[in-house]
């Protein structure tokens, strides 16, 4: 085991690692994406995506500048990782988003 990541406010439903391994994102049941440093094993940032939905799917873009976020309410969002802000959100379909790709 190289690192363990725990969500202090619920469960983890999805994970995505940066292409270079410099960080790991964890999608949580409390609607946040937690940004972990696998070397220091420290939580670095929290992206509050949606307090009413679970983050069910994550996909980091090849350049690690953005992340696609799938939610339990059927929405998909794209977040700018450098600015730590949402860029766009779409209603995808009814039911949870189970996979996304960048």
PDB file of N, CA and C in Angstrom:
ATOM      1  N   UNK A   1       0.854  -1.175   0.000  1.00  0.00           N
ATOM      2  CA  UNK A   1       0.000   0.000   0.000  1.00  0.00           C
ATOM      3  C   UNK A   1       0.896   1.233   0.000  1.00  0.00           C
ATOM      4  N   UNK A   2       0.710   2.097  -0.997  1.00  0.00           N
ATOM      5  CA  UNK A   2       1.523   3.311  -1.093  1.00  0.00           C
ATOM      6  C   UNK A   2       0.928   4.471  -0.313  1.00  0.00           C
ATOM      7  N   UNK A   3      -0.407   4.548  -0.288  1.00  0.00           N
ATOM      8  CA  UNK A   3      -1.074   5.641   0.423  1.00  0.00           C
ATOM      9  C   UNK A   3      -2.516   5.248   0.683  1.00  0.00           C
ATOM     10  N   UNK A   4      -3.078   5.789   1.744  1.00  0.00           N
ATOM     11  CA  UNK A   4      -4.490   5.603   2.056  1.00  0.00           C
ATOM     12  C   UNK A   4      -5.137   6.970   2.106  1.00  0.00           C
ATOM     13  N   UNK A   5      -6.315   7.064   1.510  1.00  0.00           N
ATOM     14  CA  UNK A   5      -7.048   8.321   1.490  1.00  0.00           C
ATOM     15  C   UNK A   5      -8.393   8.097   2.156  1.00  0.00           C
ATOM     16  N   UNK A   6      -8.725   8.937   3.106  1.00  0.00           N
ATOM     17  CA  UNK A   6      -9.988   8.816   3.819  1.00  0.00           C
ATOM     18  C   UNK A   6     -10.758  10.118   3.718  1.00  0.00           C
ATOM     19  N   UNK A   7     -12.077   9.997   3.581  1.00  0.00           N
ATOM     20  CA  UNK A   7     -12.942  11.158   3.566  1.00  0.00           C
ATOM     21  C   UNK A   7     -13.493  11.351   4.971  1.00  0.00           C
ATOM     22  N   UNK A   8     -13.206  12.474   5.604  1.00  0.00           N
ATOM     23  CA  UNK A   8     -13.677  12.685   6.972  1.00  0.00           C
ATOM     24  C   UNK A   8     -15.184  12.883   7.088  1.00  0.00           C
ATOM     25  N   UNK A   9     -15.884  13.109   5.952  1.00  0.00           N
ATOM     26  CA  UNK A   9     -17.320  13.370   6.003  1.00  0.00           C
ATOM     27  C   UNK A   9     -18.134  12.370   5.188  1.00  0.00           C
ATOM     28  N   UNK A  10     -17.692  11.147   5.044  1.00  0.00           N
ATOM     29  CA  UNK A  10     -18.456  10.168   4.281  1.00  0.00           C
ATOM     30  C   UNK A  10     -17.560   9.227   3.516  1.00  0.00           C
ATOM     31  N   UNK A  11     -18.127   8.609   2.478  1.00  0.00           N
ATOM     32  CA  UNK A  11     -17.391   7.624   1.712  1.00  0.00           C
ATOM     33  C   UNK A  11     -16.759   8.184   0.455  1.00  0.00           C
ATOM     34  N   UNK A  12     -15.907   7.378  -0.153  1.00  0.00           N
ATOM     35  CA  UNK A  12     -15.276   7.708  -1.437  1.00  0.00           C
ATOM     36  C   UNK A  12     -15.906   6.823  -2.497  1.00  0.00           C
ATOM     37  N   UNK A  13     -16.377   7.427  -3.592  1.00  0.00           N
ATOM     38  CA  UNK A  13     -17.042   6.691  -4.668  1.00  0.00           C
ATOM     39  C   UNK A  13     -16.242   6.626  -5.953  1.00  0.00           C
ATOM     40  N   UNK A  14     -15.237   7.493  -6.109  1.00  0.00           N
ATOM     41  CA  UNK A  14     -14.451   7.487  -7.344  1.00  0.00           C
ATOM     42  C   UNK A  14     -13.055   8.034  -7.072  1.00  0.00           C
ATOM     43  N   UNK A  15     -12.095   7.577  -7.888  1.00  0.00           N
ATOM     44  CA  UNK A  15     -10.706   8.032  -7.794  1.00  0.00           C
ATOM     45  C   UNK A  15     -10.158   8.298  -9.181  1.00  0.00           C
ATOM     46  N   UNK A  16      -9.242   9.261  -9.269  1.00  0.00           N
ATOM     47  CA  UNK A  16      -8.513   9.512 -10.515  1.00  0.00           C
ATOM     48  C   UNK A  16      -7.128  10.026 -10.139  1.00  0.00           C
ATOM     49  N   UNK A  17      -6.103   9.499 -10.796  1.00  0.00           N
ATOM     50  CA  UNK A  17      -4.730   9.931 -10.549  1.00  0.00           C
ATOM     51  C   UNK A  17      -4.246  10.795 -11.708  1.00  0.00           C
ATOM     52  N   UNK A  18      -3.469  11.806 -11.383  1.00  0.00           N
ATOM     53  CA  UNK A  18      -2.851  12.637 -12.416  1.00  0.00           C
ATOM     54  C   UNK A  18      -1.945  11.762 -13.268  1.00  0.00           C
ATOM     55  N   UNK A  19      -1.825  12.060 -14.559  1.00  0.00           N
ATOM     56  CA  UNK A  19      -0.979  11.239 -15.432  1.00  0.00           C
ATOM     57  C   UNK A  19       0.458  11.069 -14.924  1.00  0.00           C
ATOM     58  N   UNK A  20       0.993  12.079 -14.259  1.00  0.00           N
ATOM     59  CA  UNK A  20       2.371  11.981 -13.755  1.00  0.00           C
ATOM     60  C   UNK A  20       2.433  11.474 -12.308  1.00  0.00           C
ATOM     61  N   UNK A  21       1.284  11.165 -11.725  1.00  0.00           N
ATOM     62  CA  UNK A  21       1.237  10.630 -10.370  1.00  0.00           C
ATOM     63  C   UNK A  21       1.420  11.660  -9.272  1.00  0.00           C
ATOM     64  N   UNK A  22       1.415  12.935  -9.612  1.00  0.00           N
ATOM     65  CA  UNK A  22       1.681  13.977  -8.620  1.00  0.00           C
ATOM     66  C   UNK A  22       0.520  14.236  -7.668  1.00  0.00           C
ATOM     67  N   UNK A  23      -0.697  13.849  -8.051  1.00  0.00           N
ATOM     68  CA  UNK A  23      -1.837  14.000  -7.164  1.00  0.00           C
ATOM     69  C   UNK A  23      -2.910  12.977  -7.506  1.00  0.00           C
ATOM     70  N   UNK A  24      -3.786  12.764  -6.535  1.00  0.00           N
ATOM     71  CA  UNK A  24      -4.923  11.862  -6.694  1.00  0.00           C
ATOM     72  C   UNK A  24      -6.174  12.624  -6.278  1.00  0.00           C
ATOM     73  N   UNK A  25      -7.235  12.497  -7.061  1.00  0.00           N
ATOM     74  CA  UNK A  25      -8.519  13.095  -6.717  1.00  0.00           C
ATOM     75  C   UNK A  25      -9.468  12.003  -6.255  1.00  0.00           C
ATOM     76  N   UNK A  26     -10.200  12.281  -5.184  1.00  0.00           N
ATOM     77  CA  UNK A  26     -11.185  11.343  -4.653  1.00  0.00           C
ATOM     78  C   UNK A  26     -12.556  12.006  -4.696  1.00  0.00           C
ATOM     79  N   UNK A  27     -13.504  11.364  -5.377  1.00  0.00           N
ATOM     80  CA  UNK A  27     -14.883  11.841  -5.428  1.00  0.00           C
ATOM     81  C   UNK A  27     -15.649  11.253  -4.257  1.00  0.00           C
ATOM     82  N   UNK A  28     -16.369  12.081  -3.524  1.00  0.00           N
ATOM     83  CA  UNK A  28     -16.947  11.653  -2.252  1.00  0.00           C
ATOM     84  C   UNK A  28     -18.470  11.728  -2.205  1.00  0.00           C
ATOM     85  N   UNK A  29     -19.018  11.045  -1.217  1.00  0.00           N
ATOM     86  CA  UNK A  29     -20.470  11.019  -1.030  1.00  0.00           C
ATOM     87  C   UNK A  29     -21.010  12.345  -0.508  1.00  0.00           C
ATOM     88  N   UNK A  30     -20.147  13.230  -0.028  1.00  0.00           N
ATOM     89  CA  UNK A  30     -20.608  14.531   0.457  1.00  0.00           C
ATOM     90  C   UNK A  30     -20.493  15.622  -0.614  1.00  0.00           C
ATOM     91  N   UNK A  31     -20.324  15.226  -1.869  1.00  0.00           N
ATOM     92  CA  UNK A  31     -20.344  16.164  -2.979  1.00  0.00           C
ATOM     93  C   UNK A  31     -19.059  16.929  -3.205  1.00  0.00           C
ATOM     94  N   UNK A  32     -17.970  16.463  -2.640  1.00  0.00           N
ATOM     95  CA  UNK A  32     -16.691  17.151  -2.797  1.00  0.00           C
ATOM     96  C   UNK A  32     -15.709  16.275  -3.565  1.00  0.00           C
ATOM     97  N   UNK A  33     -14.693  16.931  -4.122  1.00  0.00           N
ATOM     98  CA  UNK A  33     -13.543  16.243  -4.685  1.00  0.00           C
ATOM     99  C   UNK A  33     -12.363  16.622  -3.815  1.00  0.00           C
ATOM    100  N   UNK A  34     -11.745  15.625  -3.217  1.00  0.00           N
ATOM    101  CA  UNK A  34     -10.593  15.872  -2.352  1.00  0.00           C
ATOM    102  C   UNK A  34      -9.309  15.584  -3.123  1.00  0.00           C
ATOM    103  N   UNK A  35      -8.368  16.512  -3.026  1.00  0.00           N
ATOM    104  CA  UNK A  35      -7.120  16.508  -3.788  1.00  0.00           C
ATOM    105  C   UNK A  35      -5.997  16.099  -2.842  1.00  0.00           C
ATOM    106  N   UNK A  36      -5.442  14.923  -3.076  1.00  0.00           N
ATOM    107  CA  UNK A  36      -4.426  14.352  -2.193  1.00  0.00           C
ATOM    108  C   UNK A  36      -3.057  14.342  -2.852  1.00  0.00           C
ATOM    109  N   UNK A  37      -2.025  14.532  -2.059  1.00  0.00           N
ATOM    110  CA  UNK A  37      -0.642  14.391  -2.494  1.00  0.00           C
ATOM    111  C   UNK A  37      -0.192  13.003  -2.070  1.00  0.00           C
ATOM    112  N   UNK A  38       0.040  12.082  -3.005  1.00  0.00           N
ATOM    113  CA  UNK A  38       0.400  10.718  -2.613  1.00  0.00           C
ATOM    114  C   UNK A  38       1.776  10.593  -1.954  1.00  0.00           C
ATOM    115  N   UNK A  39       2.683  11.530  -2.219  1.00  0.00           N
ATOM    116  CA  UNK A  39       4.012  11.462  -1.594  1.00  0.00           C
ATOM    117  C   UNK A  39       3.943  11.851  -0.117  1.00  0.00           C
ATOM    118  N   UNK A  40       3.295  12.973   0.176  1.00  0.00           N
ATOM    119  CA  UNK A  40       3.202  13.433   1.562  1.00  0.00           C
ATOM    120  C   UNK A  40       2.004  12.815   2.285  1.00  0.00           C
ATOM    121  N   UNK A  41       1.086  12.215   1.495  1.00  0.00           N
ATOM    122  CA  UNK A  41      -0.148  11.628   2.030  1.00  0.00           C
ATOM    123  C   UNK A  41      -1.025  12.671   2.704  1.00  0.00           C
ATOM    124  N   UNK A  42      -0.927  13.920   2.242  1.00  0.00           N
ATOM    125  CA  UNK A  42      -1.680  15.028   2.821  1.00  0.00           C
ATOM    126  C   UNK A  42      -2.798  15.480   1.882  1.00  0.00           C
ATOM    127  N   UNK A  43      -3.899  15.914   2.474  1.00  0.00           N
ATOM    128  CA  UNK A  43      -4.985  16.550   1.740  1.00  0.00           C
ATOM    129  C   UNK A  43      -4.540  17.962   1.398  1.00  0.00           C
ATOM    130  N   UNK A  44      -4.559  18.309   0.099  1.00  0.00           N
ATOM    131  CA  UNK A  44      -4.087  19.628  -0.323  1.00  0.00           C
ATOM    132  C   UNK A  44      -5.207  20.602  -0.611  1.00  0.00           C
ATOM    133  N   UNK A  45      -6.303  20.116  -1.219  1.00  0.00           N
ATOM    134  CA  UNK A  45      -7.415  21.000  -1.581  1.00  0.00           C
ATOM    135  C   UNK A  45      -8.722  20.227  -1.480  1.00  0.00           C
ATOM    136  N   UNK A  46      -9.804  20.973  -1.341  1.00  0.00           N
ATOM    137  CA  UNK A  46     -11.146  20.397  -1.412  1.00  0.00           C
ATOM    138  C   UNK A  46     -11.930  21.229  -2.420  1.00  0.00           C
ATOM    139  N   UNK A  47     -12.468  20.569  -3.439  1.00  0.00           N
ATOM    140  CA  UNK A  47     -13.322  21.225  -4.421  1.00  0.00           C
ATOM    141  C   UNK A  47     -14.767  20.898  -4.036  1.00  0.00           C
ATOM    142  N   UNK A  48     -15.529  21.888  -3.612  1.00  0.00           N
ATOM    143  CA  UNK A  48     -16.925  21.673  -3.239  1.00  0.00           C
ATOM    144  C   UNK A  48     -17.772  21.698  -4.500  1.00  0.00           C
ATOM    145  N   UNK A  49     -18.034  20.525  -5.046  1.00  0.00           N
ATOM    146  CA  UNK A  49     -18.710  20.399  -6.334  1.00  0.00           C
ATOM    147  C   UNK A  49     -20.213  20.569  -6.193  1.00  0.00           C
ATOM    148  N   UNK A  50     -20.849  19.810  -5.303  1.00  0.00           N
ATOM    149  CA  UNK A  50     -22.312  19.863  -5.162  1.00  0.00           C
ATOM    150  C   UNK A  50     -22.716  19.209  -3.850  1.00  0.00           C
ATOM    151  N   UNK A  51     -23.208  19.995  -2.920  1.00  0.00           N
ATOM    152  CA  UNK A  51     -23.572  19.481  -1.592  1.00  0.00           C
ATOM    153  C   UNK A  51     -24.759  18.520  -1.632  1.00  0.00           C
ATOM    154  N   UNK A  52     -25.520  18.521  -2.739  1.00  0.00           N
ATOM    155  CA  UNK A  52     -26.717  17.677  -2.837  1.00  0.00           C
ATOM    156  C   UNK A  52     -26.494  16.398  -3.625  1.00  0.00           C
ATOM    157  N   UNK A  53     -25.277  16.161  -4.111  1.00  0.00           N
ATOM    158  CA  UNK A  53     -25.019  14.989  -4.959  1.00  0.00           C
ATOM    159  C   UNK A  53     -23.704  14.331  -4.576  1.00  0.00           C
ATOM    160  N   UNK A  54     -23.607  13.043  -4.873  1.00  0.00           N
ATOM    161  CA  UNK A  54     -22.373  12.288  -4.693  1.00  0.00           C
ATOM    162  C   UNK A  54     -21.529  12.402  -5.956  1.00  0.00           C
ATOM    163  N   UNK A  55     -20.224  12.538  -5.801  1.00  0.00           N
ATOM    164  CA  UNK A  55     -19.316  12.525  -6.950  1.00  0.00           C
ATOM    165  C   UNK A  55     -19.068  11.060  -7.294  1.00  0.00           C
ATOM    166  N   UNK A  56     -19.653  10.623  -8.409  1.00  0.00           N
ATOM    167  CA  UNK A  56     -19.650   9.206  -8.774  1.00  0.00           C
ATOM    168  C   UNK A  56     -18.591   8.822  -9.794  1.00  0.00           C
ATOM    169  N   UNK A  57     -18.008   9.801 -10.506  1.00  0.00           N
ATOM    170  CA  UNK A  57     -17.019   9.489 -11.543  1.00  0.00           C
ATOM    171  C   UNK A  57     -16.077  10.676 -11.717  1.00  0.00           C
ATOM    172  N   UNK A  58     -14.806  10.379 -11.998  1.00  0.00           N
ATOM    173  CA  UNK A  58     -13.786  11.405 -12.224  1.00  0.00           C
ATOM    174  C   UNK A  58     -12.883  10.988 -13.378  1.00  0.00           C
ATOM    175  N   UNK A  59     -12.438  11.970 -14.160  1.00  0.00           N
ATOM    176  CA  UNK A  59     -11.443  11.719 -15.205  1.00  0.00           C
ATOM    177  C   UNK A  59     -10.598  12.977 -15.379  1.00  0.00           C
ATOM    178  N   UNK A  60      -9.309  12.850 -15.141  1.00  0.00           N
ATOM    179  CA  UNK A  60      -8.381  13.965 -15.282  1.00  0.00           C
ATOM    180  C   UNK A  60      -7.902  14.018 -16.730  1.00  0.00           C
ATOM    181  N   UNK A  61      -7.913  15.210 -17.318  1.00  0.00           N
ATOM    182  CA  UNK A  61      -7.450  15.394 -18.695  1.00  0.00           C
ATOM    183  C   UNK A  61      -5.955  15.086 -18.784  1.00  0.00           C
ATOM    184  N   UNK A  62      -5.472  14.670 -19.953  1.00  0.00           N
ATOM    185  CA  UNK A  62      -4.059  14.307 -20.107  1.00  0.00           C
ATOM    186  C   UNK A  62      -3.069  15.362 -19.619  1.00  0.00           C
ATOM    187  N   UNK A  63      -3.338  16.629 -19.794  1.00  0.00           N
ATOM    188  CA  UNK A  63      -2.442  17.685 -19.323  1.00  0.00           C
ATOM    189  C   UNK A  63      -2.647  18.056 -17.863  1.00  0.00           C
ATOM    190  N   UNK A  64      -3.585  17.392 -17.198  1.00  0.00           N
ATOM    191  CA  UNK A  64      -3.913  17.608 -15.773  1.00  0.00           C
ATOM    192  C   UNK A  64      -4.353  19.042 -15.485  1.00  0.00           C
ATOM    193  N   UNK A  65      -4.946  19.689 -16.484  1.00  0.00           N
ATOM    194  CA  UNK A  65      -5.448  21.049 -16.262  1.00  0.00           C
ATOM    195  C   UNK A  65      -6.917  21.059 -15.870  1.00  0.00           C
ATOM    196  N   UNK A  66      -7.655  20.041 -16.297  1.00  0.00           N
ATOM    197  CA  UNK A  66      -9.082  19.965 -15.983  1.00  0.00           C
ATOM    198  C   UNK A  66      -9.451  18.558 -15.532  1.00  0.00           C
ATOM    199  N   UNK A  67     -10.619  18.468 -14.896  1.00  0.00           N
ATOM    200  CA  UNK A  67     -11.159  17.176 -14.492  1.00  0.00           C
ATOM    201  C   UNK A  67     -12.642  17.158 -14.849  1.00  0.00           C
ATOM    202  N   UNK A  68     -13.094  16.042 -15.401  1.00  0.00           N
ATOM    203  CA  UNK A  68     -14.523  15.823 -15.641  1.00  0.00           C
ATOM    204  C   UNK A  68     -15.080  15.146 -14.397  1.00  0.00           C
ATOM    205  N   UNK A  69     -16.227  15.623 -13.942  1.00  0.00           N
ATOM    206  CA  UNK A  69     -16.841  15.131 -12.714  1.00  0.00           C
ATOM    207  C   UNK A  69     -18.256  14.658 -13.027  1.00  0.00           C
ATOM    208  N   UNK A  70     -18.541  13.395 -12.741  1.00  0.00           N
ATOM    209  CA  UNK A  70     -19.886  12.850 -12.888  1.00  0.00           C
ATOM    210  C   UNK A  70     -20.567  12.823 -11.531  1.00  0.00           C
ATOM    211  N   UNK A  71     -21.859  13.146 -11.507  1.00  0.00           N
ATOM    212  CA  UNK A  71     -22.598  13.246 -10.250  1.00  0.00           C
ATOM    213  C   UNK A  71     -23.772  12.276 -10.192  1.00  0.00           C
ATOM    214  N   UNK A  72     -24.194  11.982  -8.985  1.00  0.00           N
ATOM    215  CA  UNK A  72     -25.292  11.031  -8.766  1.00  0.00           C
ATOM    216  C   UNK A  72     -26.632  11.558  -9.256  1.00  0.00           C
ATOM    217  N   UNK A  73     -26.751  12.859  -9.482  1.00  0.00           N
ATOM    218  CA  UNK A  73     -28.016  13.428  -9.972  1.00  0.00           C
ATOM    219  C   UNK A  73     -28.073  13.509 -11.493  1.00  0.00           C
ATOM    220  N   UNK A  74     -27.098  12.892 -12.177  1.00  0.00           N
ATOM    221  CA  UNK A  74     -27.104  12.850 -13.632  1.00  0.00           C
ATOM    222  C   UNK A  74     -26.398  14.010 -14.303  1.00  0.00           C
ATOM    223  N   UNK A  75     -25.765  14.877 -13.567  1.00  0.00           N
ATOM    224  CA  UNK A  75     -25.050  16.004 -14.161  1.00  0.00           C
ATOM    225  C   UNK A  75     -23.569  15.668 -14.348  1.00  0.00           C
ATOM    226  N   UNK A  76     -22.944  16.384 -15.299  1.00  0.00           N
ATOM    227  CA  UNK A  76     -21.506  16.281 -15.548  1.00  0.00           C
ATOM    228  C   UNK A  76     -20.948  17.701 -15.507  1.00  0.00           C
ATOM    229  N   UNK A  77     -19.819  17.869 -14.829  1.00  0.00           N
ATOM    230  CA  UNK A  77     -19.174  19.178 -14.733  1.00  0.00           C
ATOM    231  C   UNK A  77     -17.711  19.051 -15.133  1.00  0.00           C
ATOM    232  N   UNK A  78     -17.151  20.168 -15.584  1.00  0.00           N
ATOM    233  CA  UNK A  78     -15.716  20.256 -15.841  1.00  0.00           C
ATOM    234  C   UNK A  78     -15.162  21.329 -14.917  1.00  0.00           C
ATOM    235  N   UNK A  79     -14.083  20.965 -14.229  1.00  0.00           N
ATOM    236  CA  UNK A  79     -13.426  21.887 -13.310  1.00  0.00           C
ATOM    237  C   UNK A  79     -12.017  22.197 -13.788  1.00  0.00           C
ATOM    238  N   UNK A  80     -11.635  23.472 -13.665  1.00  0.00           N
ATOM    239  CA  UNK A  80     -10.271  23.934 -13.912  1.00  0.00           C
ATOM    240  C   UNK A  80      -9.481  23.641 -12.638  1.00  0.00           C
ATOM    241  N   UNK A  81      -8.472  22.786 -12.722  1.00  0.00           N
ATOM    242  CA  UNK A  81      -7.733  22.383 -11.530  1.00  0.00           C
ATOM    243  C   UNK A  81      -6.791  23.479 -11.014  1.00  0.00           C
ATOM    244  N   UNK A  82      -6.214  24.255 -11.905  1.00  0.00           N
ATOM    245  CA  UNK A  82      -5.312  25.320 -11.458  1.00  0.00           C
ATOM    246  C   UNK A  82      -6.084  26.397 -10.698  1.00  0.00           C
ATOM    247  N   UNK A  83      -7.203  26.822 -11.259  1.00  0.00           N
ATOM    248  CA  UNK A  83      -8.012  27.859 -10.614  1.00  0.00           C
ATOM    249  C   UNK A  83      -8.977  27.316  -9.575  1.00  0.00           C
ATOM    250  N   UNK A  84      -9.104  25.975  -9.531  1.00  0.00           N
ATOM    251  CA  UNK A  84     -10.012  25.294  -8.611  1.00  0.00           C
ATOM    252  C   UNK A  84     -11.422  25.877  -8.677  1.00  0.00           C
ATOM    253  N   UNK A  85     -11.944  25.939  -9.927  1.00  0.00           N
ATOM    254  CA  UNK A  85     -13.299  26.461 -10.141  1.00  0.00           C
ATOM    255  C   UNK A  85     -13.998  25.669 -11.236  1.00  0.00           C
ATOM    256  N   UNK A  86     -15.303  25.675 -11.164  1.00  0.00           N
ATOM    257  CA  UNK A  86     -16.103  24.992 -12.182  1.00  0.00           C
ATOM    258  C   UNK A  86     -16.128  25.829 -13.454  1.00  0.00           C
ATOM    259  N   UNK A  87     -15.936  25.155 -14.590  1.00  0.00           N
ATOM    260  CA  UNK A  87     -15.931  25.816 -15.891  1.00  0.00           C
ATOM    261  C   UNK A  87     -17.292  25.662 -16.571  1.00  0.00           C
ATOM    262  N   UNK A  88     -17.876  24.473 -16.486  1.00  0.00           N
ATOM    263  CA  UNK A  88     -19.128  24.177 -17.189  1.00  0.00           C
ATOM    264  C   UNK A  88     -19.844  23.034 -16.493  1.00  0.00           C
ATOM    265  N   UNK A  89     -21.185  23.025 -16.578  1.00  0.00           N
ATOM    266  CA  UNK A  89     -21.980  21.926 -16.029  1.00  0.00           C
ATOM    267  C   UNK A  89     -23.141  21.644 -16.997  1.00  0.00           C
ATOM    268  N   UNK A  90     -23.391  20.344 -17.221  1.00  0.00           N
ATOM    269  CA  UNK A  90     -24.465  19.923 -18.103  1.00  0.00           C
ATOM    270  C   UNK A  90     -25.351  18.898 -17.403  1.00  0.00           C
ATOM    271  N   UNK A  91     -26.643  18.900 -17.728  1.00  0.00           N
ATOM    272  CA  UNK A  91     -27.489  17.774 -17.301  1.00  0.00           C
ATOM    273  C   UNK A  91     -27.248  16.629 -18.277  1.00  0.00           C
ATOM    274  N   UNK A  92     -26.732  15.518 -17.818  1.00  0.00           N
ATOM    275  CA  UNK A  92     -26.388  14.414 -18.715  1.00  0.00           C
ATOM    276  C   UNK A  92     -27.602  13.532 -18.986  1.00  0.00           C
ATOM    277  N   UNK A  93     -28.208  13.037 -17.928  1.00  0.00           N
ATOM    278  CA  UNK A  93     -29.354  12.134 -18.060  1.00  0.00           C
ATOM    279  C   UNK A  93     -29.941  11.895 -16.678  1.00  0.00           C
ATOM    280  N   UNK A  94     -31.022  11.135 -16.619  1.00  0.00           N
ATOM    281  CA  UNK A  94     -31.594  10.761 -15.337  1.00  0.00           C
ATOM    282  C   UNK A  94     -30.753   9.634 -14.744  1.00  0.00           C
ATOM    283  N   UNK A  95     -30.594   9.657 -13.446  1.00  0.00           N
ATOM    284  CA  UNK A  95     -29.787   8.619 -12.788  1.00  0.00           C
ATOM    285  C   UNK A  95     -28.336   9.042 -12.673  1.00  0.00           C
ATOM    286  N   UNK A  96     -27.581   8.296 -11.909  1.00  0.00           N
ATOM    287  CA  UNK A  96     -26.188   8.621 -11.643  1.00  0.00           C
ATOM    288  C   UNK A  96     -25.311   8.468 -12.886  1.00  0.00           C
ATOM    289  N   UNK A  97     -24.339   9.329 -13.002  1.00  0.00           N
ATOM    290  CA  UNK A  97     -23.306   9.201 -14.024  1.00  0.00           C
ATOM    291  C   UNK A  97     -22.304   8.180 -13.482  1.00  0.00           C
ATOM    292  N   UNK A  98     -22.074   7.127 -14.222  1.00  0.00           N
ATOM    293  CA  UNK A  98     -21.208   6.053 -13.724  1.00  0.00           C
ATOM    294  C   UNK A  98     -19.801   6.069 -14.324  1.00  0.00           C
ATOM    295  N   UNK A  99     -19.588   6.864 -15.379  1.00  0.00           N
ATOM    296  CA  UNK A  99     -18.259   6.952 -15.969  1.00  0.00           C
ATOM    297  C   UNK A  99     -18.140   8.251 -16.776  1.00  0.00           C
ATOM    298  N   UNK A 100     -16.952   8.820 -16.764  1.00  0.00           N
ATOM    299  CA  UNK A 100     -16.615   9.975 -17.594  1.00  0.00           C
ATOM    300  C   UNK A 100     -15.220   9.758 -18.153  1.00  0.00           C
ATOM    301  N   UNK A 101     -14.899  10.451 -19.237  1.00  0.00           N
ATOM    302  CA  UNK A 101     -13.567  10.358 -19.842  1.00  0.00           C
ATOM    303  C   UNK A 101     -13.189  11.731 -20.365  1.00  0.00           C
ATOM    304  N   UNK A 102     -11.884  12.005 -20.351  1.00  0.00           N
ATOM    305  CA  UNK A 102     -11.389  13.290 -20.862  1.00  0.00           C
ATOM    306  C   UNK A 102     -10.427  13.011 -21.988  1.00  0.00           C
TER     307      UNK A 102
END
